[in-house]
Amino acid sequence: MKTYFDHGAVMEFSNRGPQGAGYTVRIAKEGFSYKSLNGKVDVDVKFAEIGALDLTGYCSQNAGYKVRLCDLNMRDMSLPELNIDTIPCDNAHNIRESKPLLIAFAASKLGAEFPNNLFSLDAELGETPGEQRIRLSYGVIRGAKHQVKLADIKRVKCVCKGAQGELCVYTKAKGGFFDMPNMKLPINEITLPLLEAAVTRNTGKGIDFSKGRGFDRKDSEYVIIRYMDSGFFVSRDGSALEPWQEIAYHRIKAYNYDVDERWGIGDIAEQIRKIREQSDYTQGQTNASPASRKAQVQQFVYLLEQLKDKKQKADTDREYL
C-alpha cells in the first residue's frame, strides 16, 4: 500500500465560522487531532485506539458530516462528535477533510503490506444488525450468521440508498431468479478496498457499482470517490506485484480523487504562492543579489514542474479506461 502519509507527511485543515466558531483538524499516519477554535473540543487520538469511524451523512449529503469514534470493542469512546467538511469547498464532492481521515485510518487497519496480505490480515470490518460484529481473519470473513472465504468471492454488489448501504457478497459467478447474497457487509473505508481487492483477484473485475438510488443517482460510483484510493492496490514502492493489482489501481485512479493527487497538489500550490510572495519581496530589495533572485526562480520552476508532472500522470491514468 502507498499513501500520502507514509513518510511523515501530514494534512491540516482549518475552517472558521461566525462568532469564533470553527476548528482545525490535523491528519497523520498514526492518528489525528481536532481542535475547535472556541476551545470546547480538543481531541488527539491514535488510530490504534480506534475500532471504527462512524461518519453520519457521508453518503447522503455533501457537507457537515459528524464523526463518532468507537473503541476497539466497537463501543462509543465517549468523545464529542466532531463536525468536519462544514464549509463547501468543491463544486462536486465536499470531502477535503473527511476522505484523508478515512484513508489514513483504513491504511492503519489494512496494514502497509496490503493488498499482498489478504490471507494473513486480521481486521474488524464493522457491524450490521444481522451479522453483528464482522471480522476478517486469515482469509475468512465471519459474522454471527454467515461466513465467506475471500478466495470464494465471485461477485460483490454495492447497494447504497442514501444514509444506509451494504455490500452484497456472492460466491457464484452468476445469479438466478433468486439471487441472494451469501453475506452482507457494511459500506466503509475498510470493507470497500478489501472486497475490491478480493473480487478483482478472483475474477479480474471489481465491485459492481451499477445500482443507484433510482430517483437521483443512476449508479453508486460516488462511493468509490468517497472511500477508495488507488494507492491501496500497489506496494509501498508503487509497483504492482500481480496483474489484478494493476487492474484495481487503474480503475480507482481513473476517478481522479486520490488524496495525494487531489489535496497534495494543494500543498504544492501553497508553497508556490509563498515562494512567489518571497520572490516579489526579494526582487523589490535594492540589495538583493542576482544569485538570490535566481534561486527563487529555480525553486518556483521546480514546483511548477511537479504540478505539471502530476497532472500529466492523472491524465494518463484516466486514458487507461
C-alpha atoms as a PDB file:
ATOM      1  CA  MET A   1       0.000   0.000   0.000  1.00  0.00           C
ATOM      2  CA  LYS A   2       1.128   3.504  -0.778  1.00  0.00           C
ATOM      3  CA  THR A   3      -0.473   6.577   0.803  1.00  0.00           C
ATOM      4  CA  TYR A   4       0.197  10.275   1.126  1.00  0.00           C
ATOM      5  CA  PHE A   5       1.008   9.834   4.821  1.00  0.00           C
ATOM      6  CA  ASP A   6       3.666   7.106   4.524  1.00  0.00           C
ATOM      7  CA  HIS A   7       6.793   9.175   5.093  1.00  0.00           C
ATOM      8  CA  GLY A   8       5.615  11.530   7.809  1.00  0.00           C
ATOM      9  CA  ALA A   9       3.511  13.850   5.655  1.00  0.00           C
ATOM     10  CA  VAL A  10       0.506  15.428   7.374  1.00  0.00           C
ATOM     11  CA  MET A  11      -2.568  17.291   6.209  1.00  0.00           C
ATOM     12  CA  GLU A  12      -4.012  20.142   8.222  1.00  0.00           C
ATOM     13  CA  PHE A  13      -7.255  21.950   7.500  1.00  0.00           C
ATOM     14  CA  SER A  14      -8.862  24.911   9.238  1.00  0.00           C
ATOM     15  CA  ASN A  15     -12.405  26.185   8.915  1.00  0.00           C
ATOM     16  CA  ARG A  16     -13.517  29.431  10.501  1.00  0.00           C
ATOM     17  CA  GLY A  17     -17.150  30.260  11.114  1.00  0.00           C
ATOM     18  CA  PRO A  18     -19.015  33.273  12.562  1.00  0.00           C
ATOM     19  CA  GLN A  19     -18.570  34.393  16.170  1.00  0.00           C
ATOM     20  CA  GLY A  20     -15.445  32.344  16.830  1.00  0.00           C
ATOM     21  CA  ALA A  21     -16.834  29.075  15.536  1.00  0.00           C
ATOM     22  CA  GLY A  22     -14.651  26.714  13.549  1.00  0.00           C
ATOM     23  CA  TYR A  23     -11.988  24.081  14.007  1.00  0.00           C
ATOM     24  CA  THR A  24      -8.619  22.723  12.922  1.00  0.00           C
ATOM     25  CA  VAL A  25      -8.097  19.067  12.010  1.00  0.00           C
ATOM     26  CA  ARG A  26      -4.639  17.560  11.576  1.00  0.00           C
ATOM     27  CA  ILE A  27      -4.242  14.095   9.988  1.00  0.00           C
ATOM     28  CA  ALA A  28      -1.117  11.948  10.070  1.00  0.00           C
ATOM     29  CA  LYS A  29      -0.172   8.303   9.542  1.00  0.00           C
ATOM     30  CA  GLU A  30      -0.626   7.283  13.183  1.00  0.00           C
ATOM     31  CA  GLY A  31      -3.669   9.341  14.152  1.00  0.00           C
ATOM     32  CA  PHE A  32      -5.367  12.713  14.066  1.00  0.00           C
ATOM     33  CA  SER A  33      -6.225  15.718  16.197  1.00  0.00           C
ATOM     34  CA  TYR A  34      -9.247  18.007  16.187  1.00  0.00           C
ATOM     35  CA  LYS A  35      -9.495  21.327  17.994  1.00  0.00           C
ATOM     36  CA  SER A  36     -12.409  23.735  17.962  1.00  0.00           C
ATOM     37  CA  LEU A  37     -11.418  27.388  17.794  1.00  0.00           C
ATOM     38  CA  ASN A  38     -13.581  28.188  20.822  1.00  0.00           C
ATOM     39  CA  GLY A  39     -11.634  25.663  22.909  1.00  0.00           C
ATOM     40  CA  LYS A  40     -14.610  23.447  23.751  1.00  0.00           C
ATOM     41  CA  VAL A  41     -13.389  20.398  21.807  1.00  0.00           C
ATOM     42  CA  ASP A  42      -9.806  19.137  21.896  1.00  0.00           C
ATOM     43  CA  VAL A  43      -9.285  15.569  20.669  1.00  0.00           C
ATOM     44  CA  ASP A  44      -5.951  13.913  19.910  1.00  0.00           C
ATOM     45  CA  VAL A  45      -6.185  10.174  19.303  1.00  0.00           C
ATOM     46  CA  LYS A  46      -4.140   7.378  17.736  1.00  0.00           C
ATOM     47  CA  PHE A  47      -5.722   5.131  15.104  1.00  0.00           C
ATOM     48  CA  ALA A  48      -4.509   2.118  17.115  1.00  0.00           C
ATOM     49  CA  GLU A  49      -7.019   3.115  19.812  1.00  0.00           C
ATOM     50  CA  ILE A  50      -9.962   3.414  17.394  1.00  0.00           C
ATOM     51  CA  GLY A  51     -12.092   0.487  16.287  1.00  0.00           C
ATOM     52  CA  ALA A  52     -14.291   2.373  13.829  1.00  0.00           C
ATOM     53  CA  LEU A  53     -15.055   5.815  12.447  1.00  0.00           C
ATOM     54  CA  ASP A  54     -18.767   6.456  12.012  1.00  0.00           C
ATOM     55  CA  LEU A  55     -19.459   9.367   9.644  1.00  0.00           C
ATOM     56  CA  THR A  56     -23.100  10.447   9.786  1.00  0.00           C
ATOM     57  CA  GLY A  57     -24.496  11.584   6.437  1.00  0.00           C
ATOM     58  CA  TYR A  58     -21.339  10.805   4.468  1.00  0.00           C
ATOM     59  CA  CYS A  59     -23.208   9.051   1.642  1.00  0.00           C
ATOM     60  CA  SER A  60     -26.429  11.067   1.767  1.00  0.00           C
ATOM     61  CA  GLN A  61     -25.279  14.703   1.903  1.00  0.00           C
ATOM     62  CA  ASN A  62     -22.418  16.855   0.714  1.00  0.00           C
ATOM     63  CA  ALA A  63     -21.293  18.833   3.766  1.00  0.00           C
ATOM     64  CA  GLY A  64     -21.380  18.871   7.541  1.00  0.00           C
ATOM     65  CA  TYR A  65     -20.547  15.259   8.435  1.00  0.00           C
ATOM     66  CA  LYS A  66     -20.431  14.201  12.074  1.00  0.00           C
ATOM     67  CA  VAL A  67     -17.655  11.825  13.167  1.00  0.00           C
ATOM     68  CA  ARG A  68     -18.317   9.417  16.030  1.00  0.00           C
ATOM     69  CA  LEU A  69     -15.363   7.426  17.352  1.00  0.00           C
ATOM     70  CA  CYS A  70     -15.740   3.815  18.513  1.00  0.00           C
ATOM     71  CA  ASP A  71     -13.188   1.944  20.622  1.00  0.00           C
ATOM     72  CA  LEU A  72     -11.657  -1.447  19.832  1.00  0.00           C
ATOM     73  CA  ASN A  73     -14.783  -3.155  21.232  1.00  0.00           C
ATOM     74  CA  MET A  74     -16.949  -1.108  18.855  1.00  0.00           C
ATOM     75  CA  ARG A  75     -18.371   0.938  21.724  1.00  0.00           C
ATOM     76  CA  ASP A  76     -18.660   4.713  21.780  1.00  0.00           C
ATOM     77  CA  MET A  77     -15.416   6.311  23.020  1.00  0.00           C
ATOM     78  CA  SER A  78     -17.437   8.957  24.909  1.00  0.00           C
ATOM     79  CA  LEU A  79     -15.750  11.745  22.994  1.00  0.00           C
ATOM     80  CA  PRO A  80     -17.642  14.678  21.448  1.00  0.00           C
ATOM     81  CA  GLU A  81     -18.966  14.263  17.927  1.00  0.00           C
ATOM     82  CA  LEU A  82     -16.644  16.038  15.520  1.00  0.00           C
ATOM     83  CA  ASN A  83     -18.009  18.221  12.717  1.00  0.00           C
ATOM     84  CA  ILE A  84     -15.916  18.157   9.530  1.00  0.00           C
ATOM     85  CA  ASP A  85     -16.236  19.496   5.980  1.00  0.00           C
ATOM     86  CA  THR A  86     -18.712  22.039   7.285  1.00  0.00           C
ATOM     87  CA  ILE A  87     -17.974  24.626   4.591  1.00  0.00           C
ATOM     88  CA  PRO A  88     -18.397  23.600   0.933  1.00  0.00           C
ATOM     89  CA  CYS A  89     -15.071  23.932  -0.868  1.00  0.00           C
ATOM     90  CA  ASP A  90     -15.695  21.954  -4.050  1.00  0.00           C
ATOM     91  CA  ASN A  91     -18.293  22.045  -6.798  1.00  0.00           C
ATOM     92  CA  ALA A  92     -18.666  18.271  -6.556  1.00  0.00           C
ATOM     93  CA  HIS A  93     -17.595  16.102  -3.611  1.00  0.00           C
ATOM     94  CA  ASN A  94     -17.076  18.085  -0.414  1.00  0.00           C
ATOM     95  CA  ILE A  95     -14.674  15.593   1.196  1.00  0.00           C
ATOM     96  CA  ARG A  96     -11.451  17.565   1.577  1.00  0.00           C
ATOM     97  CA  GLU A  97     -11.153  16.744   5.300  1.00  0.00           C
ATOM     98  CA  SER A  98     -13.166  13.541   5.608  1.00  0.00           C
ATOM     99  CA  LYS A  99     -11.552  11.452   2.865  1.00  0.00           C
ATOM    100  CA  PRO A 100      -7.930  11.955   4.025  1.00  0.00           C
ATOM    101  CA  LEU A 101      -9.092  10.982   7.524  1.00  0.00           C
ATOM    102  CA  LEU A 102     -10.786   7.818   6.253  1.00  0.00           C
ATOM    103  CA  ILE A 103      -7.849   6.844   4.036  1.00  0.00           C
ATOM    104  CA  ALA A 104      -5.297   7.298   6.823  1.00  0.00           C
ATOM    105  CA  PHE A 105      -7.464   5.280   9.217  1.00  0.00           C
ATOM    106  CA  ALA A 106      -8.064   2.475   6.697  1.00  0.00           C
ATOM    107  CA  ALA A 107      -4.347   2.283   5.934  1.00  0.00           C
ATOM    108  CA  SER A 108      -3.606   1.795   9.628  1.00  0.00           C
ATOM    109  CA  LYS A 109      -6.037  -1.147   9.799  1.00  0.00           C
ATOM    110  CA  LEU A 110      -5.276  -2.850   6.475  1.00  0.00           C
ATOM    111  CA  GLY A 111      -1.524  -2.609   7.022  1.00  0.00           C
ATOM    112  CA  ALA A 112       1.397  -1.439   4.932  1.00  0.00           C
ATOM    113  CA  GLU A 113       1.590  -4.827   3.163  1.00  0.00           C
ATOM    114  CA  PHE A 114      -1.942  -4.588   1.750  1.00  0.00           C
ATOM    115  CA  PRO A 115      -3.000  -5.886  -0.770  1.00  0.00           C
ATOM    116  CA  ASN A 116      -0.318  -8.577  -0.531  1.00  0.00           C
ATOM    117  CA  ASN A 117      -1.535  -9.628   2.938  1.00  0.00           C
ATOM    118  CA  LEU A 118      -5.117 -10.570   2.039  1.00  0.00           C
ATOM    119  CA  PHE A 119      -4.841 -14.051   3.524  1.00  0.00           C
ATOM    120  CA  SER A 120      -2.911 -13.113   6.652  1.00  0.00           C
ATOM    121  CA  LEU A 121      -4.843  -9.971   7.554  1.00  0.00           C
ATOM    122  CA  ASP A 122      -6.788  -9.832  10.823  1.00  0.00           C
ATOM    123  CA  ALA A 123      -9.172  -6.866  10.982  1.00  0.00           C
ATOM    124  CA  GLU A 124     -12.551  -5.646  12.187  1.00  0.00           C
ATOM    125  CA  LEU A 125     -14.896  -4.914   9.288  1.00  0.00           C
ATOM    126  CA  GLY A 126     -17.771  -3.234  11.112  1.00  0.00           C
ATOM    127  CA  GLU A 127     -21.236  -4.214  12.279  1.00  0.00           C
ATOM    128  CA  THR A 128     -24.653  -4.964  10.791  1.00  0.00           C
ATOM    129  CA  PRO A 129     -27.927  -5.809  12.571  1.00  0.00           C
ATOM    130  CA  GLY A 130     -27.910  -9.312  11.087  1.00  0.00           C
ATOM    131  CA  GLU A 131     -24.250 -10.238  11.466  1.00  0.00           C
ATOM    132  CA  GLN A 132     -23.431  -8.041  14.483  1.00  0.00           C
ATOM    133  CA  ARG A 133     -19.623  -7.659  14.605  1.00  0.00           C
ATOM    134  CA  ILE A 134     -17.900  -8.814  11.424  1.00  0.00           C
ATOM    135  CA  ARG A 135     -14.242  -9.760  11.321  1.00  0.00           C
ATOM    136  CA  LEU A 136     -11.718 -10.901   8.753  1.00  0.00           C
ATOM    137  CA  SER A 137      -9.251 -13.490   9.973  1.00  0.00           C
ATOM    138  CA  TYR A 138      -6.789 -15.312   7.749  1.00  0.00           C
ATOM    139  CA  GLY A 139      -8.837 -15.151   4.583  1.00  0.00           C
ATOM    140  CA  VAL A 140     -12.284 -15.749   6.089  1.00  0.00           C
ATOM    141  CA  ILE A 141     -14.946 -13.105   6.776  1.00  0.00           C
ATOM    142  CA  ARG A 142     -17.050 -14.143   9.762  1.00  0.00           C
ATOM    143  CA  GLY A 143     -20.245 -12.723  11.227  1.00  0.00           C
ATOM    144  CA  ALA A 144     -22.809 -14.022  13.702  1.00  0.00           C
ATOM    145  CA  LYS A 145     -24.768 -15.885  10.997  1.00  0.00           C
ATOM    146  CA  HIS A 146     -22.581 -16.275   7.921  1.00  0.00           C
ATOM    147  CA  GLN A 147     -19.011 -16.606   6.781  1.00  0.00           C
ATOM    148  CA  VAL A 148     -17.312 -16.306   3.386  1.00  0.00           C
ATOM    149  CA  LYS A 149     -13.788 -17.109   2.224  1.00  0.00           C
ATOM    150  CA  LEU A 150     -12.080 -14.311   0.295  1.00  0.00           C
ATOM    151  CA  ALA A 151     -10.904 -16.887  -2.252  1.00  0.00           C
ATOM    152  CA  ASP A 152     -14.526 -17.905  -2.978  1.00  0.00           C
ATOM    153  CA  ILE A 153     -15.891 -14.432  -3.745  1.00  0.00           C
ATOM    154  CA  LYS A 154     -17.057 -14.144  -7.354  1.00  0.00           C
ATOM    155  CA  ARG A 155     -19.232 -11.013  -7.230  1.00  0.00           C
ATOM    156  CA  VAL A 156     -19.782  -8.001  -4.987  1.00  0.00           C
ATOM    157  CA  LYS A 157     -22.619  -5.524  -5.472  1.00  0.00           C
ATOM    158  CA  CYS A 158     -22.713  -2.100  -3.844  1.00  0.00           C
ATOM    159  CA  VAL A 159     -26.220  -1.093  -2.801  1.00  0.00           C
ATOM    160  CA  CYS A 160     -26.239   2.407  -1.346  1.00  0.00           C
ATOM    161  CA  LYS A 161     -29.615   4.047  -0.772  1.00  0.00           C
ATOM    162  CA  GLY A 162     -28.537   7.231   0.924  1.00  0.00           C
ATOM    163  CA  ALA A 163     -27.565   7.144   4.578  1.00  0.00           C
ATOM    164  CA  GLN A 164     -27.526   3.339   4.702  1.00  0.00           C
ATOM    165  CA  GLY A 165     -25.847   0.942   2.341  1.00  0.00           C
ATOM    166  CA  GLU A 166     -24.419  -2.543   2.070  1.00  0.00           C
ATOM    167  CA  LEU A 167     -22.000  -4.648   0.078  1.00  0.00           C
ATOM    168  CA  CYS A 168     -23.622  -7.871  -1.101  1.00  0.00           C
ATOM    169  CA  VAL A 169     -21.120 -10.706  -1.449  1.00  0.00           C
ATOM    170  CA  TYR A 170     -21.722 -13.708  -3.729  1.00  0.00           C
ATOM    171  CA  THR A 171     -19.760 -16.913  -4.210  1.00  0.00           C
ATOM    172  CA  LYS A 172     -21.487 -17.735  -7.521  1.00  0.00           C
ATOM    173  CA  ALA A 173     -20.400 -16.065 -10.752  1.00  0.00           C
ATOM    174  CA  LYS A 174     -23.984 -15.759 -11.993  1.00  0.00           C
ATOM    175  CA  GLY A 175     -27.215 -15.292 -10.135  1.00  0.00           C
ATOM    176  CA  GLY A 176     -30.521 -16.982 -10.852  1.00  0.00           C
ATOM    177  CA  PHE A 177     -34.071 -15.790 -10.262  1.00  0.00           C
ATOM    178  CA  PHE A 178     -33.472 -15.743  -6.506  1.00  0.00           C
ATOM    179  CA  ASP A 179     -30.079 -14.051  -6.486  1.00  0.00           C
ATOM    180  CA  MET A 180     -29.450 -13.918  -2.755  1.00  0.00           C
ATOM    181  CA  PRO A 181     -26.055 -12.839  -1.418  1.00  0.00           C
ATOM    182  CA  ASN A 182     -24.055 -15.202   0.741  1.00  0.00           C
ATOM    183  CA  MET A 183     -23.273 -12.336   3.101  1.00  0.00           C
ATOM    184  CA  LYS A 184     -23.858  -8.599   3.517  1.00  0.00           C
ATOM    185  CA  LEU A 185     -21.180  -6.225   4.776  1.00  0.00           C
ATOM    186  CA  PRO A 186     -21.394  -2.545   5.709  1.00  0.00           C
ATOM    187  CA  ILE A 187     -20.032   0.077   3.349  1.00  0.00           C
ATOM    188  CA  ASN A 188     -16.966   1.634   4.897  1.00  0.00           C
ATOM    189  CA  GLU A 189     -13.351   2.608   4.260  1.00  0.00           C
ATOM    190  CA  ILE A 190     -12.075  -0.901   5.141  1.00  0.00           C
ATOM    191  CA  THR A 191     -14.626  -3.216   3.513  1.00  0.00           C
ATOM    192  CA  LEU A 192     -14.513  -1.440   0.147  1.00  0.00           C
ATOM    193  CA  PRO A 193     -10.775  -1.767  -0.648  1.00  0.00           C
ATOM    194  CA  LEU A 194     -10.754  -5.251   0.889  1.00  0.00           C
ATOM    195  CA  LEU A 195     -13.581  -6.567  -1.287  1.00  0.00           C
ATOM    196  CA  GLU A 196     -12.350  -4.674  -4.360  1.00  0.00           C
ATOM    197  CA  ALA A 197      -9.019  -6.456  -3.944  1.00  0.00           C
ATOM    198  CA  ALA A 198     -10.576  -9.873  -3.314  1.00  0.00           C
ATOM    199  CA  VAL A 199     -13.062  -9.894  -6.193  1.00  0.00           C
ATOM    200  CA  THR A 200     -10.569  -8.367  -8.673  1.00  0.00           C
ATOM    201  CA  ARG A 201      -8.011 -11.003  -7.687  1.00  0.00           C
ATOM    202  CA  ASN A 202     -10.540 -13.784  -8.199  1.00  0.00           C
ATOM    203  CA  THR A 203     -12.291 -12.598 -11.372  1.00  0.00           C
ATOM    204  CA  GLY A 204     -10.393  -9.685 -12.912  1.00  0.00           C
ATOM    205  CA  LYS A 205     -13.387  -7.427 -12.260  1.00  0.00           C
ATOM    206  CA  GLY A 206     -14.077  -5.210  -9.273  1.00  0.00           C
ATOM    207  CA  ILE A 207     -17.164  -4.379  -7.243  1.00  0.00           C
ATOM    208  CA  ASP A 208     -20.364  -3.733  -9.202  1.00  0.00           C
ATOM    209  CA  PHE A 209     -21.425  -0.115  -8.588  1.00  0.00           C
ATOM    210  CA  SER A 210     -24.104  -0.049 -11.291  1.00  0.00           C
ATOM    211  CA  LYS A 211     -27.075   0.055  -8.910  1.00  0.00           C
ATOM    212  CA  GLY A 212     -28.139   3.590  -7.996  1.00  0.00           C
ATOM    213  CA  ARG A 213     -30.799   5.179  -5.816  1.00  0.00           C
ATOM    214  CA  GLY A 214     -33.292   5.436  -8.653  1.00  0.00           C
ATOM    215  CA  PHE A 215     -34.587   8.968  -8.185  1.00  0.00           C
ATOM    216  CA  ASP A 216     -31.334  10.945  -8.161  1.00  0.00           C
ATOM    217  CA  ARG A 217     -28.387   8.632  -8.891  1.00  0.00           C
ATOM    218  CA  LYS A 218     -28.101   6.191 -11.756  1.00  0.00           C
ATOM    219  CA  ASP A 219     -25.256   4.288 -10.056  1.00  0.00           C
ATOM    220  CA  SER A 220     -23.188   4.118  -6.864  1.00  0.00           C
ATOM    221  CA  GLU A 221     -19.817   5.154  -8.284  1.00  0.00           C
ATOM    222  CA  TYR A 222     -19.727   8.142  -5.934  1.00  0.00           C
ATOM    223  CA  VAL A 223     -18.939   5.586  -3.207  1.00  0.00           C
ATOM    224  CA  ILE A 224     -15.598   4.905  -4.943  1.00  0.00           C
ATOM    225  CA  ILE A 225     -14.748   8.595  -4.843  1.00  0.00           C
ATOM    226  CA  ARG A 226     -15.619   8.941  -1.178  1.00  0.00           C
ATOM    227  CA  TYR A 227     -13.938   5.842   0.219  1.00  0.00           C
ATOM    228  CA  MET A 228     -11.185   4.479  -2.014  1.00  0.00           C
ATOM    229  CA  ASP A 229      -7.691   5.491  -3.024  1.00  0.00           C
ATOM    230  CA  SER A 230      -5.741   3.844  -5.845  1.00  0.00           C
ATOM    231  CA  GLY A 231      -2.649   3.603  -3.635  1.00  0.00           C
ATOM    232  CA  PHE A 232      -4.343   0.782  -1.724  1.00  0.00           C
ATOM    233  CA  PHE A 233      -3.683  -1.575  -4.611  1.00  0.00           C
ATOM    234  CA  VAL A 234       0.058  -1.168  -5.116  1.00  0.00           C
ATOM    235  CA  SER A 235       3.101  -1.892  -2.991  1.00  0.00           C
ATOM    236  CA  ARG A 236       4.885   0.768  -0.950  1.00  0.00           C
ATOM    237  CA  ASP A 237       7.252   1.476  -3.840  1.00  0.00           C
ATOM    238  CA  GLY A 238       4.321   1.996  -6.214  1.00  0.00           C
ATOM    239  CA  SER A 239       4.712  -1.309  -8.046  1.00  0.00           C
ATOM    240  CA  ALA A 240       2.021  -3.907  -8.697  1.00  0.00           C
ATOM    241  CA  LEU A 241       3.173  -7.441  -7.891  1.00  0.00           C
ATOM    242  CA  GLU A 242       0.286  -9.123  -9.732  1.00  0.00           C
ATOM    243  CA  PRO A 243      -1.787  -8.144 -12.797  1.00  0.00           C
ATOM    244  CA  TRP A 244      -5.029  -7.901 -10.811  1.00  0.00           C
ATOM    245  CA  GLN A 245      -3.475  -5.221  -8.589  1.00  0.00           C
ATOM    246  CA  GLU A 246      -2.751  -3.088 -11.632  1.00  0.00           C
ATOM    247  CA  ILE A 247      -6.361  -3.523 -12.780  1.00  0.00           C
ATOM    248  CA  ALA A 248      -7.707  -2.347  -9.420  1.00  0.00           C
ATOM    249  CA  TYR A 249      -5.199   0.505  -9.270  1.00  0.00           C
ATOM    250  CA  HIS A 250      -6.132   1.944 -12.664  1.00  0.00           C
ATOM    251  CA  ARG A 251      -9.844   1.529 -12.053  1.00  0.00           C
ATOM    252  CA  ILE A 252      -9.803   3.671  -8.905  1.00  0.00           C
ATOM    253  CA  LYS A 253      -7.189   6.076 -10.272  1.00  0.00           C
ATOM    254  CA  ALA A 254      -9.443   6.966 -13.190  1.00  0.00           C
ATOM    255  CA  TYR A 255     -11.867   8.783 -10.865  1.00  0.00           C
ATOM    256  CA  ASN A 256      -9.160  11.362 -10.074  1.00  0.00           C
ATOM    257  CA  TYR A 257      -9.964  11.618  -6.364  1.00  0.00           C
ATOM    258  CA  ASP A 258      -6.843  10.188  -4.734  1.00  0.00           C
ATOM    259  CA  VAL A 259      -5.858  12.025  -1.566  1.00  0.00           C
ATOM    260  CA  ASP A 260      -2.336  12.730  -2.814  1.00  0.00           C
ATOM    261  CA  GLU A 261      -3.373  13.972  -6.249  1.00  0.00           C
ATOM    262  CA  ARG A 262      -6.427  15.909  -5.089  1.00  0.00           C
ATOM    263  CA  TRP A 263      -5.122  17.638  -1.979  1.00  0.00           C
ATOM    264  CA  GLY A 264      -1.388  17.006  -2.124  1.00  0.00           C
ATOM    265  CA  ILE A 265      -1.290  19.319  -5.157  1.00  0.00           C
ATOM    266  CA  GLY A 266      -2.902  21.928  -2.951  1.00  0.00           C
ATOM    267  CA  ASP A 267       0.109  21.715  -0.646  1.00  0.00           C
ATOM    268  CA  ILE A 268       2.459  22.366  -3.565  1.00  0.00           C
ATOM    269  CA  ALA A 269       0.295  25.237  -4.787  1.00  0.00           C
ATOM    270  CA  GLU A 270       0.512  26.801  -1.325  1.00  0.00           C
ATOM    271  CA  GLN A 271       4.313  26.524  -1.456  1.00  0.00           C
ATOM    272  CA  ILE A 272       4.311  28.192  -4.869  1.00  0.00           C
ATOM    273  CA  ARG A 273       2.204  31.068  -3.530  1.00  0.00           C
ATOM    274  CA  LYS A 274       4.638  31.624  -0.664  1.00  0.00           C
ATOM    275  CA  ILE A 275       7.640  31.458  -2.994  1.00  0.00           C
ATOM    276  CA  ARG A 276       6.002  33.941  -5.346  1.00  0.00           C
ATOM    277  CA  GLU A 277       5.437  36.371  -2.475  1.00  0.00           C
ATOM    278  CA  GLN A 278       9.004  35.973  -1.250  1.00  0.00           C
ATOM    279  CA  SER A 279      10.352  36.326  -4.774  1.00  0.00           C
ATOM    280  CA  ASP A 280       8.436  39.573  -5.279  1.00  0.00           C
ATOM    281  CA  TYR A 281       9.756  40.852  -1.951  1.00  0.00           C
ATOM    282  CA  THR A 282      13.347  39.824  -2.751  1.00  0.00           C
ATOM    283  CA  GLN A 283      13.310  41.492  -6.151  1.00  0.00           C
ATOM    284  CA  GLY A 284      11.980  44.643  -4.535  1.00  0.00           C
ATOM    285  CA  GLN A 285      15.028  44.982  -2.303  1.00  0.00           C
ATOM    286  CA  THR A 286      17.861  47.083  -3.619  1.00  0.00           C
ATOM    287  CA  ASN A 287      20.471  44.809  -2.031  1.00  0.00           C
ATOM    288  CA  ALA A 288      19.017  41.556  -3.409  1.00  0.00           C
ATOM    289  CA  SER A 289      21.767  39.708  -5.232  1.00  0.00           C
ATOM    290  CA  PRO A 290      21.305  38.116  -8.668  1.00  0.00           C
ATOM    291  CA  ALA A 291      22.086  34.734  -7.071  1.00  0.00           C
ATOM    292  CA  SER A 292      19.247  35.180  -4.563  1.00  0.00           C
ATOM    293  CA  ARG A 293      16.764  36.063  -7.286  1.00  0.00           C
ATOM    294  CA  LYS A 294      17.940  33.126  -9.402  1.00  0.00           C
ATOM    295  CA  ALA A 295      17.467  30.668  -6.503  1.00  0.00           C
ATOM    296  CA  GLN A 296      13.891  31.873  -6.001  1.00  0.00           C
ATOM    297  CA  VAL A 297      13.070  31.424  -9.680  1.00  0.00           C
ATOM    298  CA  GLN A 298      14.650  27.962  -9.811  1.00  0.00           C
ATOM    299  CA  GLN A 299      12.615  26.758  -6.823  1.00  0.00           C
ATOM    300  CA  PHE A 300       9.450  28.223  -8.312  1.00  0.00           C
ATOM    301  CA  VAL A 301      10.028  26.476 -11.639  1.00  0.00           C
ATOM    302  CA  TYR A 302      10.803  23.179  -9.895  1.00  0.00           C
ATOM    303  CA  LEU A 303       7.443  23.206  -8.079  1.00  0.00           C
ATOM    304  CA  LEU A 304       5.601  24.136 -11.250  1.00  0.00           C
ATOM    305  CA  GLU A 305       7.222  21.120 -12.923  1.00  0.00           C
ATOM    306  CA  GLN A 306       5.948  18.915 -10.095  1.00  0.00           C
ATOM    307  CA  LEU A 307       2.415  20.158 -10.684  1.00  0.00           C
ATOM    308  CA  LYS A 308       2.739  19.572 -14.425  1.00  0.00           C
ATOM    309  CA  ASP A 309       4.032  16.017 -13.917  1.00  0.00           C
ATOM    310  CA  LYS A 310       1.168  15.181 -11.537  1.00  0.00           C
ATOM    311  CA  LYS A 311      -1.404  16.497 -13.995  1.00  0.00           C
ATOM    312  CA  GLN A 312       0.112  14.546 -16.889  1.00  0.00           C
ATOM    313  CA  LYS A 313       0.153  11.369 -14.805  1.00  0.00           C
ATOM    314  CA  ALA A 314      -3.509  11.851 -13.831  1.00  0.00           C
ATOM    315  CA  ASP A 315      -4.467  12.386 -17.489  1.00  0.00           C
ATOM    316  CA  THR A 316      -2.598   9.210 -18.488  1.00  0.00           C
ATOM    317  CA  ASP A 317      -4.384   7.175 -15.822  1.00  0.00           C
ATOM    318  CA  ARG A 318      -7.784   8.464 -16.968  1.00  0.00           C
ATOM    319  CA  GLU A 319      -6.963   7.473 -20.546  1.00  0.00           C
ATOM    320  CA  TYR A 320      -6.310   3.891 -19.370  1.00  0.00           C
ATOM    321  CA  LEU A 321     -10.060   3.264 -19.429  1.00  0.00           C
END
